[in-house]
């Protein structure tokens, strides 16, 4: 039997108490949120994984830096989401043409088309953090202040993107800065839909996504 002194016993008790306190205070990632991408396969996703979308270094990659992306293309979830808080990291690179990407949500594939219709959290020079209505109303619903757009996110760098949609309230953040706080006033729009990752057409560009984590909200 190992004997310990009273002083050692007190230290052990204090350490155990501190450990219990820390455990109670720490929110463990993954308990309230789910990963949308397992890092190795396209399980849970559908799209053109032969020519446009691929997996590299546990990242979802769309487009190419060696050839032009002729038209918009989307990699979409097979599951639908209504109210959620989505966080991800995005990196956009390009050499020619329109260098742009975005994240679709509460969206639908357009039948017999390459397009996806619904809300888009836009990303690209002049449009970082804007809310666009892709292939539906075809207009910007909300844009960040010009002071934010003047300091556009740099290409070839990772940026944090957050999308929170609850009821008719939509909020967007880029690198921790809120860019959009929008309340939908039009009735009859779908309250749920797929999530889609976009590489925009008419550019020699590549977009990368990683650390996609979603928390579904009541």
Protein backbone atom coordinates (compact mmCIF):
# COMPACT_ATOMS: atom_id res chain seq x y z
CA UNK A 1 0.00 0.00 0.00
CA UNK A 2 1.31 3.46 -0.89
CA UNK A 3 1.08 5.98 1.89
CA UNK A 4 0.71 9.69 1.15
CA UNK A 5 1.20 12.60 3.51
CA UNK A 6 -1.55 14.99 4.57
CA UNK A 7 0.10 17.69 2.49
CA UNK A 8 0.09 15.42 -0.60
CA UNK A 9 -3.54 14.49 0.09
CA UNK A 10 -4.50 18.16 0.22
CA UNK A 11 -2.69 18.83 -3.05
CA UNK A 12 -4.46 15.91 -4.72
CA UNK A 13 -7.83 17.09 -3.43
CA UNK A 14 -7.21 20.65 -4.63
CA UNK A 15 -6.03 19.44 -8.04
CA UNK A 16 -9.07 17.20 -8.41
CA UNK A 17 -11.36 20.08 -7.46
CA UNK A 18 -9.68 22.39 -9.96
CA UNK A 19 -9.93 19.70 -12.66
CA UNK A 20 -13.63 19.24 -11.97
CA UNK A 21 -14.16 23.01 -12.07
CA UNK A 22 -12.32 23.40 -15.37
CA UNK A 23 -14.25 20.50 -16.91
CA UNK A 24 -17.50 22.09 -15.82
CA UNK A 25 -16.53 25.43 -17.40
CA UNK A 26 -15.16 24.16 -20.71
CA UNK A 27 -17.55 23.63 -23.63
CA UNK A 28 -16.27 20.58 -25.46
CA UNK A 29 -16.45 21.08 -29.26
CA UNK A 30 -18.68 18.60 -31.02
CA UNK A 31 -21.19 18.04 -28.22
CA UNK A 32 -23.69 20.54 -29.62
CA UNK A 33 -22.40 20.71 -33.18
CA UNK A 34 -21.68 18.28 -36.01
CA UNK A 35 -19.00 18.23 -38.67
CA UNK A 36 -20.34 18.47 -42.23
CA UNK A 37 -17.18 16.98 -43.74
CA UNK A 38 -15.20 14.00 -42.48
CA UNK A 39 -12.00 15.08 -44.21
CA UNK A 40 -11.60 11.97 -46.36
CA UNK A 41 -14.80 11.27 -48.35
CA UNK A 42 -17.77 13.08 -49.84
CA UNK A 43 -20.21 11.20 -47.61
CA UNK A 44 -23.20 13.49 -47.11
CA UNK A 45 -22.42 15.53 -50.22
CA UNK A 46 -23.33 15.35 -53.91
CA UNK A 47 -22.03 17.15 -56.97
CA UNK A 48 -19.48 16.96 -59.76
CA UNK A 49 -16.72 15.15 -57.87
CA UNK A 50 -15.09 13.95 -61.09
CA UNK A 51 -14.15 17.24 -62.75
CA UNK A 52 -14.82 20.14 -60.37
CA UNK A 53 -14.66 19.06 -56.72
CA UNK A 54 -11.97 17.04 -54.96
CA UNK A 55 -10.43 16.42 -51.55
CA UNK A 56 -6.88 17.50 -50.71
CA UNK A 57 -5.24 17.69 -47.29
CA UNK A 58 -8.63 17.14 -45.60
CA UNK A 59 -10.01 20.14 -47.48
CA UNK A 60 -12.84 20.41 -50.01
CA UNK A 61 -11.42 21.98 -53.17
CA UNK A 62 -13.38 23.34 -56.12
CA UNK A 63 -12.21 24.75 -59.43
CA UNK A 64 -8.71 24.97 -60.87
CA UNK A 65 -5.82 27.39 -61.21
CA UNK A 66 -4.89 25.92 -64.58
CA UNK A 67 -8.18 26.11 -66.50
CA UNK A 68 -11.23 28.33 -66.67
CA UNK A 69 -14.37 27.43 -64.75
CA UNK A 70 -16.94 28.01 -67.48
CA UNK A 71 -20.03 28.17 -65.28
CA UNK A 72 -21.14 28.15 -61.66
CA UNK A 73 -20.80 24.81 -59.92
CA UNK A 74 -22.01 23.66 -56.53
CA UNK A 75 -21.20 20.84 -54.13
CA UNK A 76 -24.29 20.32 -51.96
CA UNK A 77 -25.29 18.48 -48.82
CA UNK A 78 -27.72 15.60 -49.11
CA UNK A 79 -29.34 16.68 -45.84
CA UNK A 80 -31.57 19.70 -45.40
CA UNK A 81 -31.26 22.31 -42.68
CA UNK A 82 -33.66 24.87 -41.25
CA UNK A 83 -32.32 26.83 -38.28
CA UNK A 84 -28.58 26.56 -37.74
CA UNK A 85 -25.26 28.17 -36.90
CA UNK A 86 -22.63 27.19 -39.50
CA UNK A 87 -18.92 27.90 -39.12
CA UNK A 88 -16.24 27.15 -41.69
CA UNK A 89 -12.94 28.33 -43.12
CA UNK A 90 -12.56 29.42 -46.73
CA UNK A 91 -9.63 30.28 -48.98
CA UNK A 92 -10.10 31.71 -52.49
CA UNK A 93 -7.38 31.97 -55.12
CA UNK A 94 -7.44 33.00 -58.77
CA UNK A 95 -5.43 34.26 -61.68
CA UNK A 96 -7.93 35.51 -64.25
CA UNK A 97 -11.59 36.48 -64.65
CA UNK A 98 -14.23 36.72 -61.95
CA UNK A 99 -12.73 35.27 -58.75
CA UNK A 100 -15.68 34.48 -56.50
CA UNK A 101 -17.28 31.86 -54.29
CA UNK A 102 -20.03 31.55 -51.72
CA UNK A 103 -22.05 29.30 -49.45
CA UNK A 104 -25.64 28.48 -50.35
CA UNK A 105 -28.19 27.76 -47.62
CA UNK A 106 -31.92 27.12 -47.49
CA UNK A 107 -31.44 26.41 -51.17
CA UNK A 108 -32.56 23.99 -53.87
CA UNK A 109 -31.00 22.53 -57.01
CA UNK A 110 -32.64 24.05 -60.08
CA UNK A 111 -34.09 21.24 -62.18
CA UNK A 112 -32.29 20.58 -65.46
CA UNK A 113 -29.71 23.25 -64.62
CA UNK A 114 -26.28 23.61 -63.06
CA UNK A 115 -27.63 26.36 -60.79
CA UNK A 116 -28.76 26.36 -57.18
CA UNK A 117 -31.45 28.78 -55.99
CA UNK A 118 -31.66 30.37 -52.56
CA UNK A 119 -29.67 32.41 -50.08
CA UNK A 120 -25.95 32.77 -50.66
CA UNK A 121 -23.33 34.03 -48.26
CA UNK A 122 -21.05 35.65 -50.83
CA UNK A 123 -17.26 35.67 -50.82
CA UNK A 124 -14.89 37.46 -53.19
CA UNK A 125 -13.47 40.90 -53.82
CA UNK A 126 -16.19 43.53 -53.49
CA UNK A 127 -18.69 41.02 -52.14
CA UNK A 128 -17.12 39.58 -48.98
CA UNK A 129 -19.80 38.88 -46.39
CA UNK A 130 -22.72 40.01 -48.56
CA UNK A 131 -26.06 38.19 -48.68
CA UNK A 132 -27.20 37.38 -52.24
CA UNK A 133 -30.33 35.63 -53.50
CA UNK A 134 -28.93 33.21 -56.07
CA UNK A 135 -31.08 32.27 -59.11
CA UNK A 136 -34.27 33.38 -57.34
CA UNK A 137 -34.64 37.12 -56.80
CA UNK A 138 -31.14 37.51 -58.26
CA UNK A 139 -30.14 40.49 -56.17
CA UNK A 140 -28.20 41.42 -53.06
CA UNK A 141 -30.44 41.39 -50.02
CA UNK A 142 -27.89 42.97 -47.70
CA UNK A 143 -24.32 44.18 -48.02
CA UNK A 144 -21.60 45.05 -45.54
CA UNK A 145 -20.64 48.68 -44.97
CA UNK A 146 -18.33 50.13 -47.61
CA UNK A 147 -15.69 50.58 -44.94
CA UNK A 148 -15.58 46.79 -44.59
CA UNK A 149 -15.53 46.11 -48.34
CA UNK A 150 -12.66 48.56 -48.82
CA UNK A 151 -10.53 46.15 -46.81
CA UNK A 152 -11.54 43.05 -48.79
CA UNK A 153 -10.31 39.71 -47.49
CA UNK A 154 -7.00 38.81 -49.07
CA UNK A 155 -6.83 36.02 -51.62
CA UNK A 156 -4.69 32.98 -50.90
CA UNK A 157 -5.40 33.27 -47.17
CA UNK A 158 -7.76 31.37 -44.89
CA UNK A 159 -10.73 33.29 -43.56
CA UNK A 160 -13.39 32.43 -41.01
CA UNK A 161 -17.00 32.52 -42.19
CA UNK A 162 -20.08 32.15 -40.00
CA UNK A 163 -23.72 31.90 -41.06
CA UNK A 164 -26.55 31.97 -38.55
CA UNK A 165 -30.12 31.47 -39.77
CA UNK A 166 -33.05 31.31 -37.37
CA UNK A 167 -36.56 31.94 -38.55
CA UNK A 168 -36.55 35.00 -40.79
CA UNK A 169 -33.37 36.35 -39.17
CA UNK A 170 -30.05 35.86 -41.00
CA UNK A 171 -26.63 36.98 -39.79
CA UNK A 172 -23.21 36.71 -41.43
CA UNK A 173 -19.69 37.17 -40.07
CA UNK A 174 -16.30 37.22 -41.80
CA UNK A 175 -13.22 36.90 -39.61
CA UNK A 176 -15.31 37.66 -36.55
CA UNK A 177 -16.78 40.88 -37.97
CA UNK A 178 -20.53 40.93 -38.51
CA UNK A 179 -21.25 41.90 -42.11
CA UNK A 180 -25.00 41.28 -42.36
CA UNK A 181 -27.94 41.42 -39.96
CA UNK A 182 -30.94 40.77 -42.18
CA UNK A 183 -34.61 40.11 -41.52
CA UNK A 184 -36.56 38.51 -44.37
CA UNK A 185 -39.85 40.31 -45.04
CA UNK A 186 -41.05 38.35 -48.07
CA UNK A 187 -43.46 35.56 -47.23
CA UNK A 188 -43.70 32.13 -48.83
CA UNK A 189 -39.98 31.44 -49.09
CA UNK A 190 -38.70 27.98 -48.06
CA UNK A 191 -37.66 27.77 -44.42
CA UNK A 192 -35.25 24.90 -45.05
CA UNK A 193 -32.98 23.57 -47.77
CA UNK A 194 -29.59 22.25 -48.70
CA UNK A 195 -26.22 23.84 -48.04
CA UNK A 196 -24.00 24.29 -51.09
CA UNK A 197 -20.41 25.32 -51.72
CA UNK A 198 -19.85 27.38 -54.87
CA UNK A 199 -17.05 27.98 -57.32
CA UNK A 200 -18.17 30.81 -59.59
CA UNK A 201 -18.00 30.56 -63.35
CA UNK A 202 -16.03 32.73 -65.77
CA UNK A 203 -12.77 32.64 -63.87
CA UNK A 204 -9.55 30.70 -63.44
CA UNK A 205 -10.01 30.17 -59.74
CA UNK A 206 -9.87 27.68 -56.91
CA UNK A 207 -11.71 27.69 -53.60
CA UNK A 208 -10.95 25.61 -50.51
CA UNK A 209 -13.15 24.83 -47.53
CA UNK A 210 -12.32 23.18 -44.23
CA UNK A 211 -13.50 22.91 -40.60
CA UNK A 212 -17.19 22.90 -41.56
CA UNK A 213 -19.15 22.62 -38.32
CA UNK A 214 -22.90 23.11 -37.98
CA UNK A 215 -25.07 23.48 -34.90
CA UNK A 216 -28.77 23.01 -35.51
CA UNK A 217 -30.93 25.47 -33.59
CA UNK A 218 -34.47 25.10 -32.22
